[in-house]
C-alpha atoms as a PDB file:
ATOM      1  CA  UNK A   1     119.018 111.598 107.103  1.00  0.00           C
ATOM      2  CA  UNK A   2     120.719 110.447 103.866  1.00  0.00           C
ATOM      3  CA  UNK A   3     119.282 112.018 100.443  1.00  0.00           C
ATOM      4  CA  UNK A   4     117.495 109.565  98.812  1.00  0.00           C
ATOM      5  CA  UNK A   5     117.467 109.998  95.004  1.00  0.00           C
ATOM      6  CA  UNK A   6     114.379 109.150  92.899  1.00  0.00           C
ATOM      7  CA  UNK A   7     114.917 108.874  89.273  1.00  0.00           C
ATOM      8  CA  UNK A   8     111.650 109.715  86.726  1.00  0.00           C
ATOM      9  CA  UNK A   9     111.462 106.880  84.343  1.00  0.00           C
ATOM     10  CA  UNK A  10     108.606 109.011  82.419  1.00  0.00           C
ATOM     11  CA  UNK A  11     104.921 108.397  82.074  1.00  0.00           C
ATOM     12  CA  UNK A  12     104.531 104.278  81.822  1.00  0.00           C
ATOM     13  CA  UNK A  13     100.626 104.506  80.966  1.00  0.00           C
ATOM     14  CA  UNK A  14      98.194 106.578  78.621  1.00  0.00           C
ATOM     15  CA  UNK A  15      94.309 105.837  79.330  1.00  0.00           C
ATOM     16  CA  UNK A  16      93.850 107.865  76.453  1.00  0.00           C
ATOM     17  CA  UNK A  17      95.792 105.322  74.141  1.00  0.00           C
ATOM     18  CA  UNK A  18      93.623 102.179  75.463  1.00  0.00           C
ATOM     19  CA  UNK A  19      90.067 100.924  75.184  1.00  0.00           C
ATOM     20  CA  UNK A  20      88.985 101.098  78.765  1.00  0.00           C
ATOM     21  CA  UNK A  21      85.433  99.284  80.324  1.00  0.00           C
ATOM     22  CA  UNK A  22      82.556 100.418  81.459  1.00  0.00           C
ATOM     23  CA  UNK A  23      82.315 103.220  78.706  1.00  0.00           C
ATOM     24  CA  UNK A  24      85.342 104.910  80.694  1.00  0.00           C
ATOM     25  CA  UNK A  25      87.105 107.428  79.415  1.00  0.00           C
ATOM     26  CA  UNK A  26      90.652 109.073  80.178  1.00  0.00           C
ATOM     27  CA  UNK A  27      91.741 109.286  83.881  1.00  0.00           C
ATOM     28  CA  UNK A  28      93.733 106.292  85.301  1.00  0.00           C
ATOM     29  CA  UNK A  29      93.819 107.987  89.110  1.00  0.00           C
ATOM     30  CA  UNK A  30      95.580 106.640  92.163  1.00  0.00           C
ATOM     31  CA  UNK A  31      97.878 103.881  90.565  1.00  0.00           C
ATOM     32  CA  UNK A  32      98.453 100.961  92.991  1.00  0.00           C
ATOM     33  CA  UNK A  33     100.546  97.872  92.559  1.00  0.00           C
ATOM     34  CA  UNK A  34     100.129  94.228  93.112  1.00  0.00           C
ATOM     35  CA  UNK A  35     103.579  92.277  92.231  1.00  0.00           C
ATOM     36  CA  UNK A  36     102.633  89.154  90.621  1.00  0.00           C
ATOM     37  CA  UNK A  37     105.217  85.819  89.757  1.00  0.00           C
ATOM     38  CA  UNK A  38     106.020  87.567  86.346  1.00  0.00           C
ATOM     39  CA  UNK A  39     104.029  90.430  85.810  1.00  0.00           C
ATOM     40  CA  UNK A  40     102.652  93.308  87.863  1.00  0.00           C
ATOM     41  CA  UNK A  41      99.093  94.438  87.950  1.00  0.00           C
ATOM     42  CA  UNK A  42      98.428  97.980  88.496  1.00  0.00           C
ATOM     43  CA  UNK A  43      95.130  98.959  89.443  1.00  0.00           C
ATOM     44  CA  UNK A  44      93.621 102.623  89.027  1.00  0.00           C
ATOM     45  CA  UNK A  45      90.304 104.510  88.798  1.00  0.00           C
ATOM     46  CA  UNK A  46      88.853 105.887  85.640  1.00  0.00           C
ATOM     47  CA  UNK A  47      85.904 107.481  84.880  1.00  0.00           C
ATOM     48  CA  UNK A  48      82.484 107.179  82.958  1.00  0.00           C
ATOM     49  CA  UNK A  49      79.763 109.607  82.607  1.00  0.00           C
ATOM     50  CA  UNK A  50      76.563 109.014  84.073  1.00  0.00           C
ATOM     51  CA  UNK A  51      73.936 109.351  81.371  1.00  0.00           C
ATOM     52  CA  UNK A  52      70.974 110.579  83.869  1.00  0.00           C
ATOM     53  CA  UNK A  53      73.082 113.720  84.697  1.00  0.00           C
ATOM     54  CA  UNK A  54      76.190 113.635  82.681  1.00  0.00           C
ATOM     55  CA  UNK A  55      78.643 113.679  85.965  1.00  0.00           C
ATOM     56  CA  UNK A  56      81.539 111.234  86.901  1.00  0.00           C
ATOM     57  CA  UNK A  57      81.326 107.850  88.194  1.00  0.00           C
ATOM     58  CA  UNK A  58      84.525 106.122  89.130  1.00  0.00           C
ATOM     59  CA  UNK A  59      85.511 102.788  88.363  1.00  0.00           C
ATOM     60  CA  UNK A  60      88.336 100.440  89.188  1.00  0.00           C
ATOM     61  CA  UNK A  61      90.357  98.853  86.187  1.00  0.00           C
ATOM     62  CA  UNK A  62      94.024  97.584  85.786  1.00  0.00           C
ATOM     63  CA  UNK A  63      96.827  97.388  83.291  1.00  0.00           C
ATOM     64  CA  UNK A  64      99.061  94.440  83.465  1.00  0.00           C
ATOM     65  CA  UNK A  65     102.620  95.221  82.886  1.00  0.00           C
ATOM     66  CA  UNK A  66     106.081  92.967  82.274  1.00  0.00           C
ATOM     67  CA  UNK A  67     108.023  93.656  85.091  1.00  0.00           C
ATOM     68  CA  UNK A  68     110.329  96.139  83.382  1.00  0.00           C
ATOM     69  CA  UNK A  69     107.197  98.073  83.820  1.00  0.00           C
ATOM     70  CA  UNK A  70     107.022  99.487  79.919  1.00  0.00           C
ATOM     71  CA  UNK A  71     105.630  96.443  78.410  1.00  0.00           C
ATOM     72  CA  UNK A  72     101.581  96.127  78.377  1.00  0.00           C
ATOM     73  CA  UNK A  73     100.599  92.746  78.553  1.00  0.00           C
ATOM     74  CA  UNK A  74      96.647  93.816  78.951  1.00  0.00           C
ATOM     75  CA  UNK A  75      94.206  96.086  79.886  1.00  0.00           C
ATOM     76  CA  UNK A  76      91.131  94.570  81.435  1.00  0.00           C
ATOM     77  CA  UNK A  77      87.967  94.281  79.574  1.00  0.00           C
ATOM     78  CA  UNK A  78      85.877  94.496  82.705  1.00  0.00           C
ATOM     79  CA  UNK A  79      85.899  96.629  86.162  1.00  0.00           C
ATOM     80  CA  UNK A  80      86.786  94.843  88.791  1.00  0.00           C
ATOM     81  CA  UNK A  81      84.135  95.955  91.190  1.00  0.00           C
ATOM     82  CA  UNK A  82      80.556  97.287  90.716  1.00  0.00           C
ATOM     83  CA  UNK A  83      79.373 100.535  92.483  1.00  0.00           C
ATOM     84  CA  UNK A  84      77.587 100.001  95.420  1.00  0.00           C
ATOM     85  CA  UNK A  85      73.879 100.046  95.422  1.00  0.00           C
ATOM     86  CA  UNK A  86      71.458 102.822  95.863  1.00  0.00           C
ATOM     87  CA  UNK A  87      72.183 105.091  99.097  1.00  0.00           C
ATOM     88  CA  UNK A  88      75.873 103.644 100.166  1.00  0.00           C
ATOM     89  CA  UNK A  89      78.756 105.014 100.837  1.00  0.00           C
ATOM     90  CA  UNK A  90      80.063 103.972  97.288  1.00  0.00           C
ATOM     91  CA  UNK A  91      77.472 104.534  95.301  1.00  0.00           C
ATOM     92  CA  UNK A  92      78.765 106.728  92.832  1.00  0.00           C
ATOM     93  CA  UNK A  93      82.429 105.626  92.730  1.00  0.00           C
ATOM     94  CA  UNK A  94      85.501 103.967  93.725  1.00  0.00           C
ATOM     95  CA  UNK A  95      88.796 105.951  93.807  1.00  0.00           C
ATOM     96  CA  UNK A  96      91.099 104.973  94.741  1.00  0.00           C
ATOM     97  CA  UNK A  97      91.750 100.849  95.692  1.00  0.00           C
ATOM     98  CA  UNK A  98      94.674  99.761  98.067  1.00  0.00           C
ATOM     99  CA  UNK A  99      95.229  95.782  97.258  1.00  0.00           C
ATOM    100  CA  UNK A 100      97.562  93.387  99.315  1.00  0.00           C
ATOM    101  CA  UNK A 101      98.008  89.822  99.653  1.00  0.00           C
ATOM    102  CA  UNK A 102      96.596  87.809 102.746  1.00  0.00           C
ATOM    103  CA  UNK A 103      95.613  84.386 103.320  1.00  0.00           C
ATOM    104  CA  UNK A 104      95.598  83.100  99.647  1.00  0.00           C
ATOM    105  CA  UNK A 105      93.511  86.019  98.766  1.00  0.00           C
ATOM    106  CA  UNK A 106      93.829  89.655  97.628  1.00  0.00           C
ATOM    107  CA  UNK A 107      92.364  92.422 100.144  1.00  0.00           C
ATOM    108  CA  UNK A 108      91.310  95.635  98.011  1.00  0.00           C
ATOM    109  CA  UNK A 109      90.410  98.502 100.611  1.00  0.00           C
ATOM    110  CA  UNK A 110      88.240 100.784  98.483  1.00  0.00           C
ATOM    111  CA  UNK A 111      87.607 104.616  98.948  1.00  0.00           C
ATOM    112  CA  UNK A 112      83.923 104.919  98.032  1.00  0.00           C
ATOM    113  CA  UNK A 113      82.285 108.387  97.345  1.00  0.00           C
ATOM    114  CA  UNK A 114      78.859 109.390  97.325  1.00  0.00           C
ATOM    115  CA  UNK A 115      77.362 112.754  96.277  1.00  0.00           C
ATOM    116  CA  UNK A 116      76.003 115.002  98.724  1.00  0.00           C
ATOM    117  CA  UNK A 117      73.423 118.638  98.774  1.00  0.00           C
ATOM    118  CA  UNK A 118      75.149 120.875 100.598  1.00  0.00           C
ATOM    119  CA  UNK A 119      78.681 119.742  99.546  1.00  0.00           C
ATOM    120  CA  UNK A 120      79.802 117.600  96.701  1.00  0.00           C
ATOM    121  CA  UNK A 121      80.589 114.489  98.252  1.00  0.00           C
ATOM    122  CA  UNK A 122      81.551 112.310 101.255  1.00  0.00           C
ATOM    123  CA  UNK A 123      83.951 108.917 101.577  1.00  0.00           C
ATOM    124  CA  UNK A 124      84.397 106.186 103.564  1.00  0.00           C
ATOM    125  CA  UNK A 125      86.652 102.838 103.219  1.00  0.00           C
ATOM    126  CA  UNK A 126      85.327  99.464 102.330  1.00  0.00           C
ATOM    127  CA  UNK A 127      86.638  96.273 101.954  1.00  0.00           C
ATOM    128  CA  UNK A 128      86.535  93.720  99.044  1.00  0.00           C
ATOM    129  CA  UNK A 129      88.312  90.524  98.869  1.00  0.00           C
ATOM    130  CA  UNK A 130      89.425  88.370  95.398  1.00  0.00           C
ATOM    131  CA  UNK A 131      90.048  84.658  95.435  1.00  0.00           C
ATOM    132  CA  UNK A 132      90.837  84.806  91.630  1.00  0.00           C
ATOM    133  CA  UNK A 133      94.350  86.952  92.065  1.00  0.00           C
ATOM    134  CA  UNK A 134      92.499  90.104  91.608  1.00  0.00           C
ATOM    135  CA  UNK A 135      90.454  89.706  88.598  1.00  0.00           C
ATOM    136  CA  UNK A 136      87.267  90.302  90.703  1.00  0.00           C
ATOM    137  CA  UNK A 137      86.257  91.210  93.819  1.00  0.00           C
ATOM    138  CA  UNK A 138      83.485  91.013  96.098  1.00  0.00           C
ATOM    139  CA  UNK A 139      82.194  92.941  99.068  1.00  0.00           C
ATOM    140  CA  UNK A 140      82.478  91.678 102.605  1.00  0.00           C
ATOM    141  CA  UNK A 141      79.203  93.902 103.029  1.00  0.00           C
ATOM    142  CA  UNK A 142      77.322  97.043 101.796  1.00  0.00           C
ATOM    143  CA  UNK A 143      78.822  99.354 104.506  1.00  0.00           C
ATOM    144  CA  UNK A 144      82.414 100.569 105.148  1.00  0.00           C
ATOM    145  CA  UNK A 145      85.108  99.328 107.226  1.00  0.00           C
ATOM    146  CA  UNK A 146      86.324 102.827 108.388  1.00  0.00           C
ATOM    147  CA  UNK A 147      84.111 105.949 108.319  1.00  0.00           C
ATOM    148  CA  UNK A 148      83.360 109.332 109.831  1.00  0.00           C
ATOM    149  CA  UNK A 149      83.247 109.268 113.850  1.00  0.00           C
ATOM    150  CA  UNK A 150      83.092 111.553 116.885  1.00  0.00           C
ATOM    151  CA  UNK A 151      86.227 113.511 116.076  1.00  0.00           C
ATOM    152  CA  UNK A 152      86.441 113.107 112.246  1.00  0.00           C
ATOM    153  CA  UNK A 153      83.352 114.183 110.840  1.00  0.00           C
ATOM    154  CA  UNK A 154      83.665 113.615 106.983  1.00  0.00           C
ATOM    155  CA  UNK A 155      85.757 112.320 104.414  1.00  0.00           C
ATOM    156  CA  UNK A 156      87.325 109.007 105.452  1.00  0.00           C
ATOM    157  CA  UNK A 157      89.364 107.843 102.777  1.00  0.00           C
ATOM    158  CA  UNK A 158      92.530 106.800 100.620  1.00  0.00           C
ATOM    159  CA  UNK A 159      93.293 103.936 102.837  1.00  0.00           C
ATOM    160  CA  UNK A 160      96.766 102.194 102.675  1.00  0.00           C
ATOM    161  CA  UNK A 161      97.360  98.921 104.465  1.00  0.00           C
ATOM    162  CA  UNK A 162     100.234  97.203 105.441  1.00  0.00           C
ATOM    163  CA  UNK A 163     100.554  94.048 107.310  1.00  0.00           C
ATOM    164  CA  UNK A 164     103.633  94.349 109.831  1.00  0.00           C
ATOM    165  CA  UNK A 165     104.293  91.605 112.123  1.00  0.00           C
ATOM    166  CA  UNK A 166     100.653  90.226 113.340  1.00  0.00           C
ATOM    167  CA  UNK A 167      99.112  93.650 112.937  1.00  0.00           C
ATOM    168  CA  UNK A 168      97.243  95.573 109.977  1.00  0.00           C
ATOM    169  CA  UNK A 169      98.337  98.944 109.854  1.00  0.00           C
ATOM    170  CA  UNK A 170      96.170 101.668 108.293  1.00  0.00           C
ATOM    171  CA  UNK A 171      97.385 105.151 106.854  1.00  0.00           C
ATOM    172  CA  UNK A 172      94.141 107.102 105.764  1.00  0.00           C
ATOM    173  CA  UNK A 173      92.907 110.807 105.449  1.00  0.00           C
ATOM    174  CA  UNK A 174      90.355 112.224 107.529  1.00  0.00           C
ATOM    175  CA  UNK A 175      88.526 115.304 106.814  1.00  0.00           C
ATOM    176  CA  UNK A 176      88.581 118.363 109.297  1.00  0.00           C
ATOM    177  CA  UNK A 177      85.502 119.968 107.723  1.00  0.00           C
ATOM    178  CA  UNK A 178      84.482 122.115 104.692  1.00  0.00           C
ATOM    179  CA  UNK A 179      84.904 125.849 104.344  1.00  0.00           C
ATOM    180  CA  UNK A 180      83.856 128.167 101.734  1.00  0.00           C
ATOM    181  CA  UNK A 181      87.029 130.379 100.817  1.00  0.00           C
ATOM    182  CA  UNK A 182      85.267 132.664  98.750  1.00  0.00           C
ATOM    183  CA  UNK A 183      81.781 134.017  98.580  1.00  0.00           C
ATOM    184  CA  UNK A 184      81.573 133.314  94.969  1.00  0.00           C
ATOM    185  CA  UNK A 185      83.181 129.344  95.011  1.00  0.00           C
ATOM    186  CA  UNK A 186      81.501 126.184  95.949  1.00  0.00           C
ATOM    187  CA  UNK A 187      82.699 124.910  99.349  1.00  0.00           C
ATOM    188  CA  UNK A 188      86.425 123.098  99.578  1.00  0.00           C
ATOM    189  CA  UNK A 189      87.446 120.295 102.136  1.00  0.00           C
ATOM    190  CA  UNK A 190      90.500 119.876 104.134  1.00  0.00           C
ATOM    191  CA  UNK A 191      91.904 116.892 105.159  1.00  0.00           C
ATOM    192  CA  UNK A 192      95.110 115.245 107.198  1.00  0.00           C
ATOM    193  CA  UNK A 193      96.590 111.733 107.627  1.00  0.00           C
ATOM    194  CA  UNK A 194      96.052 109.720 110.295  1.00  0.00           C
ATOM    195  CA  UNK A 195      96.409 106.119 111.564  1.00  0.00           C
ATOM    196  CA  UNK A 196      94.493 103.103 112.559  1.00  0.00           C
ATOM    197  CA  UNK A 197      95.182  99.493 113.278  1.00  0.00           C
ATOM    198  CA  UNK A 198      93.463  96.262 113.460  1.00  0.00           C
ATOM    199  CA  UNK A 199      93.913  92.245 114.074  1.00  0.00           C
ATOM    200  CA  UNK A 200      91.782  91.023 111.048  1.00  0.00           C
ATOM    201  CA  UNK A 201      92.044  93.768 108.414  1.00  0.00           C
ATOM    202  CA  UNK A 202      88.115  94.364 108.883  1.00  0.00           C
ATOM    203  CA  UNK A 203      87.562  95.815 112.864  1.00  0.00           C
ATOM    204  CA  UNK A 204      89.756  99.019 113.188  1.00  0.00           C
ATOM    205  CA  UNK A 205      90.853 101.097 115.866  1.00  0.00           C
ATOM    206  CA  UNK A 206      91.626 104.661 115.133  1.00  0.00           C
ATOM    207  CA  UNK A 207      94.092 106.889 116.601  1.00  0.00           C
ATOM    208  CA  UNK A 208      91.171 109.209 116.583  1.00  0.00           C
ATOM    209  CA  UNK A 209      91.526 112.649 115.454  1.00  0.00           C
ATOM    210  CA  UNK A 210      95.689 112.410 115.426  1.00  0.00           C
ATOM    211  CA  UNK A 211      97.242 114.038 112.662  1.00  0.00           C
ATOM    212  CA  UNK A 212     100.277 112.295 111.789  1.00  0.00           C
ATOM    213  CA  UNK A 213     102.386 114.568 109.408  1.00  0.00           C
ATOM    214  CA  UNK A 214     103.180 117.790 110.061  1.00  0.00           C
ATOM    215  CA  UNK A 215     101.936 120.859 108.030  1.00  0.00           C
ATOM    216  CA  UNK A 216     104.064 122.628 105.686  1.00  0.00           C
ATOM    217  CA  UNK A 217     101.695 124.998 104.207  1.00  0.00           C
ATOM    218  CA  UNK A 218      99.686 125.462 107.416  1.00  0.00           C
ATOM    219  CA  UNK A 219      96.282 124.529 108.492  1.00  0.00           C
ATOM    220  CA  UNK A 220      94.557 125.051 105.174  1.00  0.00           C
ATOM    221  CA  UNK A 221      97.111 122.246 103.925  1.00  0.00           C
ATOM    222  CA  UNK A 222      95.288 118.868 102.304  1.00  0.00           C
ATOM    223  CA  UNK A 223      97.241 115.949 102.707  1.00  0.00           C
ATOM    224  CA  UNK A 224      96.245 112.554 100.456  1.00  0.00           C
ATOM    225  CA  UNK A 225      96.953 109.019  99.610  1.00  0.00           C
ATOM    226  CA  UNK A 226      99.626 107.934 101.717  1.00  0.00           C
ATOM    227  CA  UNK A 227     101.838 105.196 100.965  1.00  0.00           C
ATOM    228  CA  UNK A 228     104.274 103.359 103.357  1.00  0.00           C
ATOM    229  CA  UNK A 229     107.712 101.560 102.148  1.00  0.00           C
ATOM    230  CA  UNK A 230     110.120 100.071 104.175  1.00  0.00           C
ATOM    231  CA  UNK A 231     113.590 101.234 102.771  1.00  0.00           C
ATOM    232  CA  UNK A 232     116.999  99.972 104.920  1.00  0.00           C
ATOM    233  CA  UNK A 233     115.385  99.489 108.250  1.00  0.00           C
ATOM    234  CA  UNK A 234     113.346 102.602 107.974  1.00  0.00           C
ATOM    235  CA  UNK A 235     109.732 103.349 107.185  1.00  0.00           C
ATOM    236  CA  UNK A 236     109.296 106.171 104.499  1.00  0.00           C
ATOM    237  CA  UNK A 237     105.460 107.896 103.950  1.00  0.00           C
ATOM    238  CA  UNK A 238     105.074 109.413 100.361  1.00  0.00           C
ATOM    239  CA  UNK A 239     101.810 111.338 100.114  1.00  0.00           C
ATOM    240  CA  UNK A 240     100.784 114.232  98.086  1.00  0.00           C
ATOM    241  CA  UNK A 241      99.801 117.793  99.476  1.00  0.00           C
ATOM    242  CA  UNK A 242      98.434 121.197  98.512  1.00  0.00           C
ATOM    243  CA  UNK A 243      96.222 124.248  99.179  1.00  0.00           C
ATOM    244  CA  UNK A 244      93.024 123.573 100.340  1.00  0.00           C
ATOM    245  CA  UNK A 245      91.394 126.101  97.827  1.00  0.00           C
ATOM    246  CA  UNK A 246      92.220 127.573  94.448  1.00  0.00           C
ATOM    247  CA  UNK A 247      94.149 124.249  93.816  1.00  0.00           C
ATOM    248  CA  UNK A 248      92.614 122.924  90.356  1.00  0.00           C
ATOM    249  CA  UNK A 249      93.810 125.636  87.921  1.00  0.00           C
ATOM    250  CA  UNK A 250      96.791 127.427  89.504  1.00  0.00           C
ATOM    251  CA  UNK A 251      99.680 125.183  89.241  1.00  0.00           C
ATOM    252  CA  UNK A 252     101.541 126.888  92.566  1.00  0.00           C
ATOM    253  CA  UNK A 253      98.396 125.321  94.575  1.00  0.00           C
ATOM    254  CA  UNK A 254      98.189 122.363  93.278  1.00  0.00           C
ATOM    255  CA  UNK A 255      99.728 118.635  94.387  1.00  0.00           C
ATOM    256  CA  UNK A 256     102.899 118.221  95.153  1.00  0.00           C
ATOM    257  CA  UNK A 257     104.686 115.075  96.290  1.00  0.00           C
ATOM    258  CA  UNK A 258     105.532 115.120 100.180  1.00  0.00           C
ATOM    259  CA  UNK A 259     107.736 112.569 102.410  1.00  0.00           C
ATOM    260  CA  UNK A 260     108.079 111.352 106.031  1.00  0.00           C
ATOM    261  CA  UNK A 261     109.984 108.821 107.755  1.00  0.00           C
ATOM    262  CA  UNK A 262     109.763 107.052 110.744  1.00  0.00           C
ATOM    263  CA  UNK A 263     111.664 104.137 113.183  1.00  0.00           C
ATOM    264  CA  UNK A 264     108.661 103.296 114.982  1.00  0.00           C
ATOM    265  CA  UNK A 265     105.512 103.689 112.598  1.00  0.00           C
ATOM    266  CA  UNK A 266     104.474 106.375 115.548  1.00  0.00           C
ATOM    267  CA  UNK A 267     106.428 109.637 115.255  1.00  0.00           C
ATOM    268  CA  UNK A 268     106.990 110.441 111.948  1.00  0.00           C
ATOM    269  CA  UNK A 269     109.387 113.456 110.703  1.00  0.00           C
ATOM    270  CA  UNK A 270     108.360 115.263 107.436  1.00  0.00           C
ATOM    271  CA  UNK A 271     111.126 115.951 105.276  1.00  0.00           C
ATOM    272  CA  UNK A 272     109.776 116.685 101.525  1.00  0.00           C
ATOM    273  CA  UNK A 273     113.381 117.508 100.519  1.00  0.00           C
ATOM    274  CA  UNK A 274     114.914 113.729  99.956  1.00  0.00           C
ATOM    275  CA  UNK A 275     112.638 112.425  97.784  1.00  0.00           C
ATOM    276  CA  UNK A 276     112.570 115.713  95.902  1.00  0.00           C
ATOM    277  CA  UNK A 277     110.456 115.241  93.045  1.00  0.00           C
ATOM    278  CA  UNK A 278     109.713 118.158  91.232  1.00  0.00           C
ATOM    279  CA  UNK A 279     107.581 118.909  88.042  1.00  0.00           C
ATOM    280  CA  UNK A 280     108.898 118.582  84.507  1.00  0.00           C
ATOM    281  CA  UNK A 281     108.380 121.963  82.773  1.00  0.00           C
ATOM    282  CA  UNK A 282     106.627 121.199  79.300  1.00  0.00           C
ATOM    283  CA  UNK A 283     105.766 117.725  80.249  1.00  0.00           C
ATOM    284  CA  UNK A 284     102.646 115.538  81.254  1.00  0.00           C
ATOM    285  CA  UNK A 285     103.966 116.214  84.996  1.00  0.00           C
ATOM    286  CA  UNK A 286     104.435 120.193  84.504  1.00  0.00           C
ATOM    287  CA  UNK A 287     101.812 121.465  86.798  1.00  0.00           C
ATOM    288  CA  UNK A 288     101.004 118.758  89.406  1.00  0.00           C
ATOM    289  CA  UNK A 289     102.482 115.310  90.886  1.00  0.00           C
ATOM    290  CA  UNK A 290      99.599 113.281  92.689  1.00  0.00           C
ATOM    291  CA  UNK A 291      98.626 110.340  94.365  1.00  0.00           C
ATOM    292  CA  UNK A 292     101.791 108.241  94.628  1.00  0.00           C
ATOM    293  CA  UNK A 293     102.218 104.811  95.319  1.00  0.00           C
ATOM    294  CA  UNK A 294     105.475 103.018  96.659  1.00  0.00           C
ATOM    295  CA  UNK A 295     106.124  99.182  95.717  1.00  0.00           C
ATOM    296  CA  UNK A 296     109.130  96.937  95.632  1.00  0.00           C
ATOM    297  CA  UNK A 297     109.745  94.689  93.038  1.00  0.00           C
ATOM    298  CA  UNK A 298     112.779  92.420  92.281  1.00  0.00           C
ATOM    299  CA  UNK A 299     115.000  94.021  94.407  1.00  0.00           C
ATOM    300  CA  UNK A 300     114.089  97.844  93.103  1.00  0.00           C
ATOM    301  CA  UNK A 301     111.946 100.368  94.828  1.00  0.00           C
ATOM    302  CA  UNK A 302     109.607 102.182  92.846  1.00  0.00           C
ATOM    303  CA  UNK A 303     106.869 105.093  92.900  1.00  0.00           C
ATOM    304  CA  UNK A 304     104.175 105.393  90.455  1.00  0.00           C
ATOM    305  CA  UNK A 305     102.247 108.997  90.631  1.00  0.00           C
ATOM    306  CA  UNK A 306      99.830 110.900  88.483  1.00  0.00           C
ATOM    307  CA  UNK A 307     100.653 114.282  86.964  1.00  0.00           C
ATOM    308  CA  UNK A 308      98.658 117.171  85.398  1.00  0.00           C
ATOM    309  CA  UNK A 309      94.590 116.979  85.736  1.00  0.00           C
ATOM    310  CA  UNK A 310      94.872 114.741  88.577  1.00  0.00           C
ATOM    311  CA  UNK A 311      95.634 111.600  86.222  1.00  0.00           C
ATOM    312  CA  UNK A 312      93.649 112.491  83.614  1.00  0.00           C
ATOM    313  CA  UNK A 313      96.296 111.253  81.044  1.00  0.00           C
ATOM    314  CA  UNK A 314      98.329 108.373  82.669  1.00  0.00           C
ATOM    315  CA  UNK A 315     100.502 107.904  85.201  1.00  0.00           C
ATOM    316  CA  UNK A 316     104.659 107.634  85.738  1.00  0.00           C
ATOM    317  CA  UNK A 317     107.140 106.007  87.160  1.00  0.00           C
ATOM    318  CA  UNK A 318     110.006 106.637  89.436  1.00  0.00           C
ATOM    319  CA  UNK A 319     112.938 104.275  90.787  1.00  0.00           C
ATOM    320  CA  UNK A 320     115.178 104.555  93.932  1.00  0.00           C
ATOM    321  CA  UNK A 321     118.654 104.905  92.898  1.00  0.00           C
ATOM    322  CA  UNK A 322     121.159 103.665  95.395  1.00  0.00           C
END
């Protein structure tokens, strides 16, 4: 295929430089754009500390930016949705939330997570709807719309939804399971990218356990946060991938941006070389590139992404040069 060249524009938002709602500190993970008439609202996941145990809770906030994607208009003074109730799938956090416009509303597909005992976490995908242009969201119910099933036993999350024709398409991740890669460390998970369809955005049919993106690093490659955009008549998926263990502090095993393309939304050809976004030595993204989100605005295609430490210090932007 013809090479695409994405030009990095640098970091555009640093959460440490702004007051965040709900006593949240640092972190603006998995940025997701909602293009409005004269600004772009970018949702992100940030973190507060649970005073009862000192562990993190993930919340969704947003920053409004002018369409030059440089000038900040405001940062939300409240989180857009409360966490789930006692024992619910999203009791301990929401990370990320993907937003789309549909029927004069904004649908927010949440990745809710909850702590476990034998392993650290499990996840599922919920749906909340906003009637005030994305300021606040209300769940359609306390449970998820996509969750673990017979052949996808855990870690359903990272849903990205796009309506094509009359069909809702969701690309998401599903866990293969947990594994203790070394005796002295906690177990880690491995997950792959899957696909589901829906006629209403609520009731989904999975292509059960079909891994749609080929591995580059072998069976223990984890793939996360797919995002799909149509460019010049072809669908392009961006995602992040890493080794399933020893990835948190080992920069050679940490997240990088992957890419695949498809002409029919069924068969995907992996081609990581043609976005070819690489780490920048000495910069905020010197060790890691993760959590991409592709969107179009005013005739241009952009890619939001996080850098080092999984987005602790903000997110940056790249633009497609034609």
